[in-house]
Each structure stands twice: as structure tokens, then as C-alpha cells.
């Protein structure tokens, strides 16, 4: 990683590490994205998971469901949908990790929420989506 990519990665890490409720926060970012991209049953499951901490131990199950849909060759996702599904996967990973059942997902999964949302905003170039994502993230990286 060099230059801009380094800056975005560091921003994503810093952004995630400032969150008091990372699962709820990531769910809010996913919600902002899904307004534009629609809410598939898998995205709905991730959104429901994010707001109900009693369901967080089901994060791995929800992740598997999202991943299966994302890999479905019969119904391929657009680039923007793929990014939204990746956000949903991160919500599920964070819920699972926060709930604590082993084995955990990668400890740094949450560092990707900001950078994926940033890429999604660039992919669609929709001012309303960009505004919603910026609000959910509390802004964009410097020099934006």
C-alpha cells in the first residue's frame, strides 16, 4: 500500500477504534448504504443483527448466509452490491467477535468498514448516498 491507499487504511483503523459500539456503528453504515442498493434478505438479516445484541452470537450464521449469496454464480452481484454485501459481512463478523463464541473472525475486520464505504461512494457517485455514508461515518478521510 502506498500514498492514498495507506491514508485510507489508516483512516479506517482509526475510525473503527474510536467506536464505543462497533457493531451498532457498522450496522448504521450498512443501513446508509442499503437505502440506495436495496435490502436483500441477507442485508436485512445483518441490519437486524446489528441492532439486537442478544442475536450477536448468531453472527457467524448470518455471515455464512451473506457469503453464500455473494458467491452465487447464478445471481451475480454488481460491483456496488458486492461492496454492500462486504459491509454486511463485516457487521456479522463484528457481532460474532463481540459476542465471543470461538473461533473469532480476523481481529481487524472492523478496520475495513470505512474504506469499503468510501469505495462504495466512489463506485456509485450518488450524492445522496455519499452524504448518508459520510454522516454514518462522521466524515471522510482528510483531503476529501
Protein backbone atom coordinates (compact mmCIF):
# COMPACT_ATOMS: atom_id res chain seq x y z
CA UNK A 1 0.00 0.00 0.00
CA UNK A 2 1.26 3.45 -0.89
CA UNK A 3 0.04 7.01 -0.56
CA UNK A 4 -3.70 7.29 -0.82
CA UNK A 5 -4.33 3.62 -0.02
CA UNK A 6 -2.20 3.90 3.14
CA UNK A 7 -4.09 7.02 4.17
CA UNK A 8 -7.48 5.35 3.65
CA UNK A 9 -6.39 2.22 5.54
CA UNK A 10 -5.11 4.26 8.50
CA UNK A 11 -8.29 6.32 8.47
CA UNK A 12 -10.38 3.12 8.55
CA UNK A 13 -8.46 1.74 11.50
CA UNK A 14 -8.63 4.98 13.45
CA UNK A 15 -12.32 5.37 12.66
CA UNK A 16 -13.14 1.87 13.88
CA UNK A 17 -11.04 2.14 17.03
CA UNK A 18 -12.96 5.27 18.10
CA UNK A 19 -16.30 3.46 18.14
CA UNK A 20 -17.89 2.64 21.50
CA UNK A 21 -20.45 0.29 19.93
CA UNK A 22 -18.73 -1.02 16.79
CA UNK A 23 -21.48 -3.45 15.80
CA UNK A 24 -24.20 -0.80 16.02
CA UNK A 25 -21.96 1.70 14.22
CA UNK A 26 -21.17 -0.74 11.37
CA UNK A 27 -24.89 -1.52 11.16
CA UNK A 28 -25.57 2.20 10.73
CA UNK A 29 -23.06 2.38 7.87
CA UNK A 30 -24.71 -0.65 6.25
CA UNK A 31 -28.13 0.94 6.70
CA UNK A 32 -26.92 4.12 4.98
CA UNK A 33 -25.61 2.05 2.06
CA UNK A 34 -28.65 -0.18 1.76
CA UNK A 35 -31.04 2.74 1.24
CA UNK A 36 -29.63 3.12 -2.26
CA UNK A 37 -28.86 -0.52 -3.00
CA UNK A 38 -31.97 -2.16 -1.62
CA UNK A 39 -32.33 -4.61 1.18
CA UNK A 40 -31.97 -8.23 0.24
CA UNK A 41 -32.92 -10.81 2.89
CA UNK A 42 -29.21 -11.18 3.70
CA UNK A 43 -28.73 -7.43 4.18
CA UNK A 44 -31.91 -7.34 6.28
CA UNK A 45 -30.51 -10.11 8.47
CA UNK A 46 -27.29 -8.14 9.04
CA UNK A 47 -29.25 -4.97 9.84
CA UNK A 48 -31.46 -6.85 12.33
CA UNK A 49 -28.39 -8.46 13.88
CA UNK A 50 -26.67 -5.10 14.40
CA UNK A 51 -29.48 -3.65 16.50
CA UNK A 52 -30.14 -6.68 18.73
CA UNK A 53 -27.18 -7.67 20.87
CA UNK A 54 -28.97 -10.82 22.01
CA UNK A 55 -28.57 -12.07 18.43
CA UNK A 56 -24.86 -11.27 18.12
CA UNK A 57 -23.83 -14.88 18.87
CA UNK A 58 -25.57 -15.70 15.55
CA UNK A 59 -23.06 -13.55 13.67
CA UNK A 60 -21.28 -16.49 12.09
CA UNK A 61 -24.56 -17.94 10.79
CA UNK A 62 -25.55 -14.57 9.33
CA UNK A 63 -22.07 -14.17 7.84
CA UNK A 64 -22.31 -17.58 6.15
CA UNK A 65 -25.69 -16.65 4.67
CA UNK A 66 -24.37 -13.37 3.30
CA UNK A 67 -21.23 -15.01 1.91
CA UNK A 68 -23.25 -17.77 0.20
CA UNK A 69 -25.41 -15.19 -1.57
CA UNK A 70 -22.39 -13.16 -2.57
CA UNK A 71 -20.80 -16.19 -4.17
CA UNK A 72 -23.95 -17.31 -6.02
CA UNK A 73 -22.86 -17.53 -9.67
CA UNK A 74 -26.49 -17.77 -10.82
CA UNK A 75 -27.29 -14.33 -9.39
CA UNK A 76 -24.06 -12.31 -9.64
CA UNK A 77 -23.80 -9.05 -7.74
CA UNK A 78 -22.86 -5.74 -9.31
CA UNK A 79 -19.67 -4.10 -8.03
CA UNK A 80 -21.72 -1.80 -5.78
CA UNK A 81 -23.86 -4.67 -4.46
CA UNK A 82 -20.69 -6.63 -3.74
CA UNK A 83 -19.36 -3.76 -1.62
CA UNK A 84 -22.67 -3.56 0.24
CA UNK A 85 -22.56 -7.31 0.89
CA UNK A 86 -19.00 -6.91 2.16
CA UNK A 87 -20.26 -4.29 4.62
CA UNK A 88 -22.96 -6.75 5.72
CA UNK A 89 -20.31 -9.45 6.20
CA UNK A 90 -18.33 -7.06 8.39
CA UNK A 91 -21.39 -6.37 10.55
CA UNK A 92 -21.82 -10.11 11.06
CA UNK A 93 -18.11 -10.60 11.81
CA UNK A 94 -18.12 -7.80 14.36
CA UNK A 95 -21.25 -9.16 16.05
CA UNK A 96 -19.75 -12.63 16.25
CA UNK A 97 -16.44 -11.35 17.61
CA UNK A 98 -18.14 -9.10 20.16
CA UNK A 99 -20.38 -11.94 21.37
CA UNK A 100 -17.32 -14.05 21.89
CA UNK A 101 -18.03 -17.57 20.65
CA UNK A 102 -14.87 -19.13 19.23
CA UNK A 103 -13.29 -19.08 16.81
CA UNK A 104 -13.28 -15.35 16.14
CA UNK A 105 -13.05 -13.72 12.76
CA UNK A 106 -10.00 -11.58 11.98
CA UNK A 107 -9.46 -9.01 14.73
CA UNK A 108 -9.04 -6.19 12.22
CA UNK A 109 -12.27 -6.79 10.28
CA UNK A 110 -13.77 -3.53 11.53
CA UNK A 111 -10.90 -1.51 10.08
CA UNK A 112 -12.43 -2.18 6.65
CA UNK A 113 -15.86 -0.60 7.29
CA UNK A 114 -14.77 2.95 6.45
CA UNK A 115 -12.64 2.06 3.42
CA UNK A 116 -15.36 -0.14 1.90
CA UNK A 117 -17.97 2.58 2.42
CA UNK A 118 -15.54 5.04 0.82
CA UNK A 119 -15.13 2.74 -2.20
CA UNK A 120 -18.90 2.30 -2.43
CA UNK A 121 -19.42 6.07 -2.51
CA UNK A 122 -16.84 6.30 -5.31
CA UNK A 123 -18.38 3.41 -7.21
CA UNK A 124 -21.89 4.88 -7.38
CA UNK A 125 -21.14 8.61 -7.39
CA UNK A 126 -24.58 9.24 -5.87
CA UNK A 127 -24.54 12.49 -3.82
CA UNK A 128 -27.35 11.30 -1.52
CA UNK A 129 -25.54 8.01 -0.79
CA UNK A 130 -22.27 9.85 -0.26
CA UNK A 131 -23.98 12.20 2.21
CA UNK A 132 -25.63 9.32 4.14
CA UNK A 133 -22.38 7.38 4.33
CA UNK A 134 -20.42 10.45 5.44
CA UNK A 135 -22.99 11.05 8.19
CA UNK A 136 -22.82 7.42 9.34
CA UNK A 137 -19.01 7.51 9.32
CA UNK A 138 -18.77 11.03 10.78
CA UNK A 139 -16.95 12.32 7.70
CA UNK A 140 -14.46 11.23 5.08
CA UNK A 141 -10.68 10.92 5.29
CA UNK A 142 -8.67 14.14 5.18
CA UNK A 143 -8.15 15.78 1.79
CA UNK A 144 -11.62 14.71 0.77
